[in-house]
Amino acid sequence: MPKDNISTALTVLFAFLIVIAFFHQWILTY
C-alpha cells in the first residue's frame, strides 16, 4: 500500500512540475 501511495504522489508531483515548467516557459516566451 505505501509503495503505491508513494508512486502516485511521485506521479502527481512530476505532472505538477511539468505543468509549472510549461507555464514558466510560456510566460517567458510571451
N, C-alpha and C. Protein backbone atom coordinates (compact mmCIF):
# COMPACT_ATOMS: atom_id res chain seq x y z
N MET A 1 0.82 -1.21 0.00
CA MET A 1 0.00 0.00 0.00
C MET A 1 0.86 1.28 0.00
N PRO A 2 1.82 1.36 0.93
CA PRO A 2 2.64 2.58 0.98
C PRO A 2 3.40 2.82 -0.32
N LYS A 3 3.88 1.72 -0.93
CA LYS A 3 4.63 1.87 -2.18
C LYS A 3 3.73 2.50 -3.26
N ASP A 4 2.50 2.01 -3.36
CA ASP A 4 1.56 2.56 -4.34
C ASP A 4 1.29 4.03 -4.05
N ASN A 5 1.14 4.33 -2.75
CA ASN A 5 0.88 5.72 -2.36
C ASN A 5 2.04 6.62 -2.79
N ILE A 6 3.26 6.16 -2.54
CA ILE A 6 4.44 6.95 -2.91
C ILE A 6 4.51 7.10 -4.43
N SER A 7 4.20 6.04 -5.14
CA SER A 7 4.25 6.08 -6.60
C SER A 7 3.25 7.11 -7.13
N THR A 8 2.04 7.09 -6.58
CA THR A 8 1.01 8.04 -7.02
C THR A 8 1.44 9.46 -6.70
N ALA A 9 1.97 9.66 -5.50
CA ALA A 9 2.41 11.00 -5.09
C ALA A 9 3.52 11.49 -6.02
N LEU A 10 4.45 10.60 -6.37
CA LEU A 10 5.54 10.97 -7.26
C LEU A 10 5.01 11.34 -8.64
N THR A 11 4.05 10.58 -9.14
CA THR A 11 3.47 10.86 -10.45
C THR A 11 2.79 12.22 -10.45
N VAL A 12 2.01 12.49 -9.39
CA VAL A 12 1.31 13.78 -9.30
C VAL A 12 2.32 14.91 -9.21
N LEU A 13 3.36 14.71 -8.40
CA LEU A 13 4.39 15.75 -8.25
C LEU A 13 5.09 16.01 -9.58
N PHE A 14 5.40 14.95 -10.31
CA PHE A 14 6.08 15.08 -11.60
C PHE A 14 5.19 15.84 -12.59
N ALA A 15 3.90 15.48 -12.63
CA ALA A 15 2.97 16.17 -13.52
C ALA A 15 2.88 17.64 -13.15
N PHE A 16 2.83 17.92 -11.83
CA PHE A 16 2.75 19.30 -11.36
C PHE A 16 3.99 20.08 -11.80
N LEU A 17 5.16 19.44 -11.68
CA LEU A 17 6.41 20.10 -12.08
C LEU A 17 6.41 20.39 -13.57
N ILE A 18 5.92 19.45 -14.38
CA ILE A 18 5.88 19.64 -15.83
C ILE A 18 4.95 20.79 -16.18
N VAL A 19 3.79 20.84 -15.52
CA VAL A 19 2.83 21.92 -15.79
C VAL A 19 3.44 23.27 -15.42
N ILE A 20 4.10 23.34 -14.26
CA ILE A 20 4.73 24.59 -13.82
C ILE A 20 5.82 25.00 -14.82
N ALA A 21 6.64 24.04 -15.24
CA ALA A 21 7.71 24.34 -16.20
C ALA A 21 7.11 24.84 -17.51
N PHE A 22 6.03 24.21 -17.97
CA PHE A 22 5.38 24.60 -19.22
C PHE A 22 4.86 26.03 -19.11
N PHE A 23 4.18 26.34 -18.00
CA PHE A 23 3.65 27.69 -17.81
C PHE A 23 4.79 28.70 -17.72
N HIS A 24 5.87 28.34 -17.03
CA HIS A 24 7.02 29.23 -16.89
C HIS A 24 7.61 29.54 -18.26
N GLN A 25 7.76 28.50 -19.09
CA GLN A 25 8.30 28.68 -20.43
C GLN A 25 7.36 29.55 -21.26
N TRP A 26 6.04 29.31 -21.14
CA TRP A 26 5.06 30.08 -21.90
C TRP A 26 5.12 31.55 -21.51
N ILE A 27 5.22 31.82 -20.20
CA ILE A 27 5.30 33.21 -19.72
C ILE A 27 6.59 33.85 -20.22
N LEU A 28 7.69 33.09 -20.21
CA LEU A 28 8.97 33.63 -20.66
C LEU A 28 8.92 33.95 -22.15
N THR A 29 8.30 33.07 -22.94
CA THR A 29 8.21 33.29 -24.39
C THR A 29 7.26 34.44 -24.68
N TYR A 30 6.17 34.51 -23.91
CA TYR A 30 5.19 35.56 -24.12
C TYR A 30 5.77 36.88 -23.63
